[in-house]
């Protein structure tokens, strides 16, 4: 065997090993997260069945998202900058920056004109995303994040009314300091606080 063919064989072996590992990525504790590529209709329906019934409609119409957190909640979330309107992402969006200390992060709060089920069995479902049913303040909700790669964000979606979903997405501005579970916990906590404001308003 020539030296050139030996090098080619080693490269080919490395490519195969890389391809074998591409199906999952390491989590915060070294746990592999499988990347969902073809979720079955049955499993998606099972997720939808786990969602609780909405106790009452909490309309997002007329809600100023940049005022959804009172000052005491802004302090609890470590928001240090004035909330700012952002270009619409599926609906009105407000950004809350927690940039006073490391790790710097931000919350994007959106009012999305869609039913929560759209992320499970509808047009918003993405096989590249991990979607987990949960309950926030008694309301049906989903945790939505990309399990592969360096944790960058996590989104909590709450079905607050028919055709209306409150989305609270936490972004890690300082990379490598917040784990995926931490980002998801922060997102869920902020969504719960926003839901409290909607309940008080209604």
Protein backbone atom coordinates (compact mmCIF):
# COMPACT_ATOMS: atom_id res chain seq x y z
CA UNK A 1 0.00 0.00 0.00
CA UNK A 2 1.39 3.40 -0.97
CA UNK A 3 1.68 6.31 1.43
CA UNK A 4 -0.91 8.24 -0.61
CA UNK A 5 -3.50 5.46 -0.36
CA UNK A 6 -2.86 5.15 3.39
CA UNK A 7 -3.60 8.87 3.82
CA UNK A 8 -6.77 8.53 1.72
CA UNK A 9 -7.97 5.60 3.86
CA UNK A 10 -7.38 7.54 7.05
CA UNK A 11 -9.30 10.55 5.73
CA UNK A 12 -12.18 8.33 4.63
CA UNK A 13 -12.26 6.69 8.07
CA UNK A 14 -12.38 10.10 9.74
CA UNK A 15 -15.26 11.22 7.50
CA UNK A 16 -17.25 8.07 8.36
CA UNK A 17 -16.64 8.56 12.07
CA UNK A 18 -17.77 12.18 11.82
CA UNK A 19 -20.90 11.15 9.93
CA UNK A 20 -21.73 8.56 12.57
CA UNK A 21 -21.52 11.19 15.29
CA UNK A 22 -23.59 13.76 13.38
CA UNK A 23 -26.86 12.23 14.53
CA UNK A 24 -26.56 13.61 18.06
CA UNK A 25 -24.84 16.36 19.97
CA UNK A 26 -23.55 16.57 23.50
CA UNK A 27 -25.76 18.25 26.06
CA UNK A 28 -24.73 20.03 29.23
CA UNK A 29 -23.86 16.81 31.05
CA UNK A 30 -22.47 15.02 28.02
CA UNK A 31 -25.86 13.45 27.32
CA UNK A 32 -26.49 12.86 23.62
CA UNK A 33 -29.59 14.58 22.26
CA UNK A 34 -30.98 12.73 19.23
CA UNK A 35 -31.82 15.04 16.35
CA UNK A 36 -35.41 14.37 15.35
CA UNK A 37 -35.58 13.93 11.60
CA UNK A 38 -38.95 12.26 10.91
CA UNK A 39 -41.33 12.50 13.85
CA UNK A 40 -44.34 10.26 13.33
CA UNK A 41 -47.86 11.64 13.26
CA UNK A 42 -48.71 9.39 16.21
CA UNK A 43 -45.97 10.83 18.43
CA UNK A 44 -46.96 14.38 17.51
CA UNK A 45 -50.60 13.65 18.32
CA UNK A 46 -49.50 12.21 21.66
CA UNK A 47 -47.74 15.50 22.44
CA UNK A 48 -50.88 17.45 21.63
CA UNK A 49 -52.90 15.14 23.90
CA UNK A 50 -50.62 16.00 26.84
CA UNK A 51 -51.56 19.67 26.70
CA UNK A 52 -54.12 20.80 29.31
CA UNK A 53 -57.32 22.58 28.37
CA UNK A 54 -57.07 26.36 28.43
CA UNK A 55 -58.95 27.62 31.52
CA UNK A 56 -59.97 30.89 29.82
CA UNK A 57 -58.99 33.06 26.88
CA UNK A 58 -56.44 35.79 27.60
CA UNK A 59 -56.46 37.97 24.52
CA UNK A 60 -53.23 39.60 23.36
CA UNK A 61 -55.08 42.18 21.30
CA UNK A 62 -54.30 45.68 22.50
CA UNK A 63 -51.54 44.46 24.83
CA UNK A 64 -48.39 46.62 24.82
CA UNK A 65 -45.74 43.91 24.98
CA UNK A 66 -43.06 46.34 26.14
CA UNK A 67 -45.21 46.97 29.22
CA UNK A 68 -46.03 43.33 29.95
CA UNK A 69 -43.57 43.16 32.86
CA UNK A 70 -44.11 45.61 35.76
CA UNK A 71 -40.99 47.08 37.32
CA UNK A 72 -40.77 44.46 40.07
CA UNK A 73 -40.72 41.74 37.41
CA UNK A 74 -38.17 43.62 35.31
CA UNK A 75 -35.94 43.67 38.38
CA UNK A 76 -36.49 39.95 38.98
CA UNK A 77 -35.53 39.23 35.36
CA UNK A 78 -32.46 41.50 35.69
CA UNK A 79 -33.64 43.72 32.84
CA UNK A 80 -31.32 46.72 32.89
CA UNK A 81 -32.21 48.51 29.63
CA UNK A 82 -35.38 50.18 28.43
CA UNK A 83 -37.59 47.61 26.64
CA UNK A 84 -37.53 48.22 22.89
CA UNK A 85 -39.79 47.43 19.99
CA UNK A 86 -38.24 45.13 17.42
CA UNK A 87 -39.17 44.34 13.83
CA UNK A 88 -42.14 42.00 13.82
CA UNK A 89 -41.29 38.29 13.98
CA UNK A 90 -44.60 36.53 13.34
CA UNK A 91 -46.28 39.40 15.18
CA UNK A 92 -45.53 42.36 17.48
CA UNK A 93 -42.21 41.88 19.27
CA UNK A 94 -40.52 43.55 22.25
CA UNK A 95 -36.94 42.94 23.37
CA UNK A 96 -35.87 43.01 27.02
CA UNK A 97 -32.09 43.16 27.52
CA UNK A 98 -30.41 41.82 30.65
CA UNK A 99 -27.03 43.36 29.94
CA UNK A 100 -25.96 44.75 33.30
CA UNK A 101 -23.82 41.74 34.23
CA UNK A 102 -22.55 38.50 32.78
CA UNK A 103 -23.88 36.33 31.33
CA UNK A 104 -25.62 38.85 29.09
CA UNK A 105 -28.93 37.60 27.70
CA UNK A 106 -32.18 38.91 26.26
CA UNK A 107 -35.86 38.04 26.17
CA UNK A 108 -37.91 38.46 23.00
CA UNK A 109 -41.65 38.55 23.71
CA UNK A 110 -43.97 38.05 20.73
CA UNK A 111 -47.72 37.91 20.13
CA UNK A 112 -48.14 35.27 17.44
CA UNK A 113 -51.47 34.97 15.59
CA UNK A 114 -51.54 31.16 15.57
CA UNK A 115 -52.85 28.27 17.66
CA UNK A 116 -50.34 26.46 19.86
CA UNK A 117 -51.01 23.17 18.05
CA UNK A 118 -49.42 24.64 14.91
CA UNK A 119 -46.00 23.92 16.44
CA UNK A 120 -46.92 20.26 17.02
CA UNK A 121 -48.94 19.09 14.05
CA UNK A 122 -49.28 22.19 11.87
CA UNK A 123 -47.24 24.29 9.50
CA UNK A 124 -44.91 25.61 12.21
CA UNK A 125 -43.65 22.14 13.19
CA UNK A 126 -39.95 21.68 12.42
CA UNK A 127 -38.24 18.31 12.71
CA UNK A 128 -34.99 20.10 13.58
CA UNK A 129 -36.57 21.46 16.77
CA UNK A 130 -37.21 19.66 20.05
CA UNK A 131 -40.76 20.47 21.20
CA UNK A 132 -41.92 19.43 24.67
CA UNK A 133 -45.43 19.93 26.10
CA UNK A 134 -45.76 21.61 29.48
CA UNK A 135 -48.08 23.77 31.58
CA UNK A 136 -47.45 27.42 32.41
CA UNK A 137 -49.77 28.97 34.99
CA UNK A 138 -52.46 26.40 34.16
CA UNK A 139 -52.23 27.10 30.42
CA UNK A 140 -51.08 24.77 27.63
CA UNK A 141 -47.50 25.49 26.64
CA UNK A 142 -44.55 24.16 24.70
CA UNK A 143 -40.80 24.37 25.15
CA UNK A 144 -39.18 24.77 21.74
CA UNK A 145 -35.43 24.61 21.07
CA UNK A 146 -32.75 23.19 18.79
CA UNK A 147 -30.98 20.44 20.69
CA UNK A 148 -28.00 20.20 18.34
CA UNK A 149 -25.02 22.50 18.69
CA UNK A 150 -24.03 25.16 21.20
CA UNK A 151 -27.07 26.26 23.29
CA UNK A 152 -28.10 29.67 21.98
CA UNK A 153 -31.77 30.13 22.85
CA UNK A 154 -34.97 28.54 24.10
CA UNK A 155 -38.56 29.49 23.44
CA UNK A 156 -41.66 29.00 25.58
CA UNK A 157 -44.96 29.13 23.71
CA UNK A 158 -48.21 29.59 25.66
CA UNK A 159 -51.62 29.10 24.09
CA UNK A 160 -53.36 32.07 25.70
CA UNK A 161 -56.43 32.23 23.42
CA UNK A 162 -57.87 30.72 20.28
CA UNK A 163 -55.57 31.70 17.43
CA UNK A 164 -53.17 33.50 19.79
CA UNK A 165 -49.87 32.31 21.22
CA UNK A 166 -47.59 34.20 23.61
CA UNK A 167 -43.96 33.44 22.72
CA UNK A 168 -41.10 34.22 25.10
CA UNK A 169 -37.66 33.42 23.72
CA UNK A 170 -34.47 33.67 25.78
CA UNK A 171 -31.26 34.35 23.86
CA UNK A 172 -27.76 33.82 25.25
CA UNK A 173 -25.79 36.90 24.18
CA UNK A 174 -22.73 35.75 26.14
CA UNK A 175 -22.11 32.37 24.57
CA UNK A 176 -20.95 29.31 26.49
CA UNK A 177 -22.20 30.47 29.90
CA UNK A 178 -25.82 29.28 29.91
CA UNK A 179 -26.85 25.66 29.40
CA UNK A 180 -29.88 24.58 27.40
CA UNK A 181 -31.88 23.68 30.55
CA UNK A 182 -31.02 27.07 32.07
CA UNK A 183 -32.17 28.94 28.96
CA UNK A 184 -35.42 26.96 28.92
CA UNK A 185 -36.03 27.55 32.64
CA UNK A 186 -35.44 31.28 32.19
CA UNK A 187 -37.82 31.38 29.23
CA UNK A 188 -40.53 29.49 31.14
CA UNK A 189 -40.14 31.77 34.16
CA UNK A 190 -40.47 34.91 32.04
CA UNK A 191 -43.50 33.42 30.26
CA UNK A 192 -45.12 32.71 33.63
CA UNK A 193 -44.56 36.32 34.73
CA UNK A 194 -46.04 37.64 31.47
CA UNK A 195 -49.03 35.33 31.92
CA UNK A 196 -49.60 36.78 35.39
CA UNK A 197 -49.87 40.24 33.83
CA UNK A 198 -52.35 38.99 31.24
CA UNK A 199 -54.46 37.36 33.95
CA UNK A 200 -54.52 40.56 36.00
CA UNK A 201 -55.44 42.55 32.90
CA UNK A 202 -58.36 40.28 32.08
